[in-house]
Amino acid sequence: MAKQKRSSAGTNIQNVKQQNAQSAQGQQNQYGTEFASETDAQQVRKQNQKAESKKQQNS
């Protein structure tokens, strides 16, 4: 059995790399789809348009 590489804190480096890889696989595009499903694009456009017109009126 080969000696496992450990960090200065005693962490099994290979184990951490494996866990990170598994975690990354399960979380791809998590935020993109999560926020997109809750956002009404038409409403955002209206709000942006209102804000822009107010900004121009105030300047």
N, C-alpha and C. Protein backbone atom coordinates (compact mmCIF):
# COMPACT_ATOMS: atom_id res chain seq x y z
N MET A 1 0.84 -1.18 0.00
CA MET A 1 0.00 0.00 0.00
C MET A 1 0.89 1.24 0.00
N ALA A 2 0.66 2.12 -0.96
CA ALA A 2 1.47 3.33 -1.09
C ALA A 2 1.09 4.33 -0.01
N LYS A 3 2.08 5.10 0.40
CA LYS A 3 1.84 6.13 1.41
C LYS A 3 1.02 7.25 0.78
N GLN A 4 -0.04 7.65 1.44
CA GLN A 4 -0.90 8.70 0.91
C GLN A 4 -0.29 10.07 1.17
N LYS A 5 -0.42 10.96 0.17
CA LYS A 5 0.10 12.32 0.33
C LYS A 5 -0.85 13.08 1.24
N ARG A 6 -0.27 13.83 2.15
CA ARG A 6 -1.07 14.62 3.08
C ARG A 6 -0.55 16.05 3.11
N SER A 7 -1.47 16.97 3.34
CA SER A 7 -1.08 18.38 3.45
C SER A 7 -0.44 18.61 4.81
N SER A 8 0.04 19.83 5.03
CA SER A 8 0.66 20.14 6.32
C SER A 8 -0.34 20.02 7.47
N ALA A 9 -1.62 20.13 7.15
CA ALA A 9 -2.66 20.00 8.18
C ALA A 9 -3.08 18.54 8.37
N GLY A 10 -2.51 17.65 7.56
CA GLY A 10 -2.83 16.23 7.70
C GLY A 10 -4.00 15.77 6.83
N THR A 11 -4.39 16.60 5.88
CA THR A 11 -5.52 16.26 5.01
C THR A 11 -5.05 15.34 3.88
N ASN A 12 -5.85 14.33 3.58
CA ASN A 12 -5.56 13.43 2.47
C ASN A 12 -5.84 14.18 1.16
N ILE A 13 -4.79 14.57 0.46
CA ILE A 13 -4.90 15.42 -0.73
C ILE A 13 -5.70 14.73 -1.83
N GLN A 14 -5.43 13.47 -2.09
CA GLN A 14 -6.12 12.76 -3.16
C GLN A 14 -7.62 12.67 -2.87
N ASN A 15 -7.96 12.46 -1.62
CA ASN A 15 -9.36 12.37 -1.23
C ASN A 15 -10.07 13.70 -1.47
N VAL A 16 -9.42 14.79 -1.14
CA VAL A 16 -10.01 16.12 -1.34
C VAL A 16 -10.21 16.40 -2.83
N LYS A 17 -9.21 16.05 -3.65
CA LYS A 17 -9.33 16.26 -5.10
C LYS A 17 -10.52 15.47 -5.65
N GLN A 18 -10.69 14.26 -5.18
CA GLN A 18 -11.80 13.41 -5.65
C GLN A 18 -13.14 14.03 -5.23
N GLN A 19 -13.23 14.49 -4.01
CA GLN A 19 -14.47 15.11 -3.54
C GLN A 19 -14.78 16.38 -4.32
N ASN A 20 -13.76 17.17 -4.61
CA ASN A 20 -13.97 18.40 -5.38
C ASN A 20 -14.48 18.09 -6.79
N ALA A 21 -13.93 17.06 -7.41
CA ALA A 21 -14.35 16.67 -8.75
C ALA A 21 -15.81 16.22 -8.75
N GLN A 22 -16.18 15.44 -7.76
CA GLN A 22 -17.57 14.97 -7.67
C GLN A 22 -18.52 16.15 -7.42
N SER A 23 -18.10 17.06 -6.57
CA SER A 23 -18.93 18.22 -6.26
C SER A 23 -19.12 19.10 -7.49
N ALA A 24 -18.04 19.30 -8.24
CA ALA A 24 -18.11 20.14 -9.44
C ALA A 24 -19.04 19.53 -10.48
N GLN A 25 -19.05 18.22 -10.58
CA GLN A 25 -19.91 17.55 -11.55
C GLN A 25 -21.38 17.78 -11.22
N GLY A 26 -21.72 17.74 -9.96
CA GLY A 26 -23.12 17.87 -9.56
C GLY A 26 -23.62 19.29 -9.55
N GLN A 27 -22.75 20.27 -9.64
CA GLN A 27 -23.19 21.66 -9.50
C GLN A 27 -22.99 22.50 -10.74
N GLN A 28 -22.75 21.90 -11.87
CA GLN A 28 -22.57 22.69 -13.09
C GLN A 28 -23.85 23.44 -13.41
N ASN A 29 -23.72 24.70 -13.73
CA ASN A 29 -24.85 25.56 -14.12
C ASN A 29 -25.92 25.66 -13.06
N GLN A 30 -25.58 25.42 -11.83
CA GLN A 30 -26.58 25.47 -10.76
C GLN A 30 -27.20 26.85 -10.67
N TYR A 31 -26.35 27.88 -10.67
CA TYR A 31 -26.87 29.22 -10.47
C TYR A 31 -27.56 29.75 -11.72
N GLY A 32 -27.03 29.41 -12.87
CA GLY A 32 -27.64 29.90 -14.11
C GLY A 32 -29.09 29.51 -14.23
N THR A 33 -29.39 28.26 -13.96
CA THR A 33 -30.78 27.80 -14.09
C THR A 33 -31.61 28.21 -12.90
N GLU A 34 -31.01 28.26 -11.73
CA GLU A 34 -31.78 28.61 -10.53
C GLU A 34 -32.34 30.01 -10.63
N PHE A 35 -31.48 30.98 -11.01
CA PHE A 35 -31.95 32.35 -11.06
C PHE A 35 -32.77 32.63 -12.32
N ALA A 36 -32.44 31.97 -13.40
CA ALA A 36 -33.17 32.20 -14.63
C ALA A 36 -34.63 31.78 -14.48
N SER A 37 -34.89 30.73 -13.75
CA SER A 37 -36.26 30.25 -13.60
C SER A 37 -37.10 31.19 -12.75
N GLU A 38 -36.46 32.01 -11.92
CA GLU A 38 -37.19 32.91 -11.04
C GLU A 38 -37.27 34.33 -11.59
N THR A 39 -36.68 34.58 -12.74
CA THR A 39 -36.61 35.94 -13.27
C THR A 39 -37.57 36.11 -14.44
N ASP A 40 -38.37 37.16 -14.36
CA ASP A 40 -39.26 37.50 -15.45
C ASP A 40 -38.54 38.55 -16.31
N ALA A 41 -38.03 38.10 -17.44
CA ALA A 41 -37.19 38.97 -18.28
C ALA A 41 -37.95 40.21 -18.73
N GLN A 42 -39.22 40.07 -19.06
CA GLN A 42 -40.00 41.22 -19.53
C GLN A 42 -40.13 42.26 -18.42
N GLN A 43 -40.35 41.80 -17.20
CA GLN A 43 -40.47 42.71 -16.06
C GLN A 43 -39.15 43.45 -15.82
N VAL A 44 -38.05 42.75 -15.95
CA VAL A 44 -36.74 43.37 -15.76
C VAL A 44 -36.50 44.44 -16.81
N ARG A 45 -36.88 44.16 -18.05
CA ARG A 45 -36.71 45.15 -19.12
C ARG A 45 -37.52 46.41 -18.82
N LYS A 46 -38.76 46.23 -18.34
CA LYS A 46 -39.60 47.38 -18.00
C LYS A 46 -38.96 48.21 -16.89
N GLN A 47 -38.48 47.54 -15.86
CA GLN A 47 -37.84 48.25 -14.75
C GLN A 47 -36.60 49.00 -15.22
N ASN A 48 -35.82 48.37 -16.07
CA ASN A 48 -34.62 49.03 -16.60
C ASN A 48 -34.99 50.26 -17.42
N GLN A 49 -36.04 50.14 -18.20
CA GLN A 49 -36.48 51.25 -19.05
C GLN A 49 -36.95 52.42 -18.17
N LYS A 50 -37.71 52.10 -17.12
CA LYS A 50 -38.18 53.15 -16.19
C LYS A 50 -37.00 53.84 -15.53
N ALA A 51 -36.06 53.06 -15.06
CA ALA A 51 -34.90 53.62 -14.37
C ALA A 51 -34.10 54.51 -15.31
N GLU A 52 -33.96 54.09 -16.55
CA GLU A 52 -33.20 54.88 -17.53
C GLU A 52 -33.90 56.20 -17.82
N SER A 53 -35.22 56.16 -17.97
CA SER A 53 -35.94 57.41 -18.27
C SER A 53 -35.90 58.35 -17.07
N LYS A 54 -35.99 57.82 -15.84
CA LYS A 54 -35.87 58.66 -14.65
C LYS A 54 -34.49 59.30 -14.56
N LYS A 55 -33.48 58.51 -14.89
CA LYS A 55 -32.11 59.01 -14.84
C LYS A 55 -31.94 60.18 -15.82
N GLN A 56 -32.53 60.05 -17.00
CA GLN A 56 -32.39 61.11 -18.00
C GLN A 56 -33.19 62.35 -17.61
N GLN A 57 -34.33 62.16 -16.94
CA GLN A 57 -35.13 63.31 -16.49
C GLN A 57 -34.39 64.09 -15.41
N ASN A 58 -33.68 63.37 -14.55
CA ASN A 58 -32.99 64.02 -13.43
C ASN A 58 -31.68 64.68 -13.84
N SER A 59 -31.19 64.41 -15.01
CA SER A 59 -29.90 65.00 -15.39
C SER A 59 -30.06 66.21 -16.28
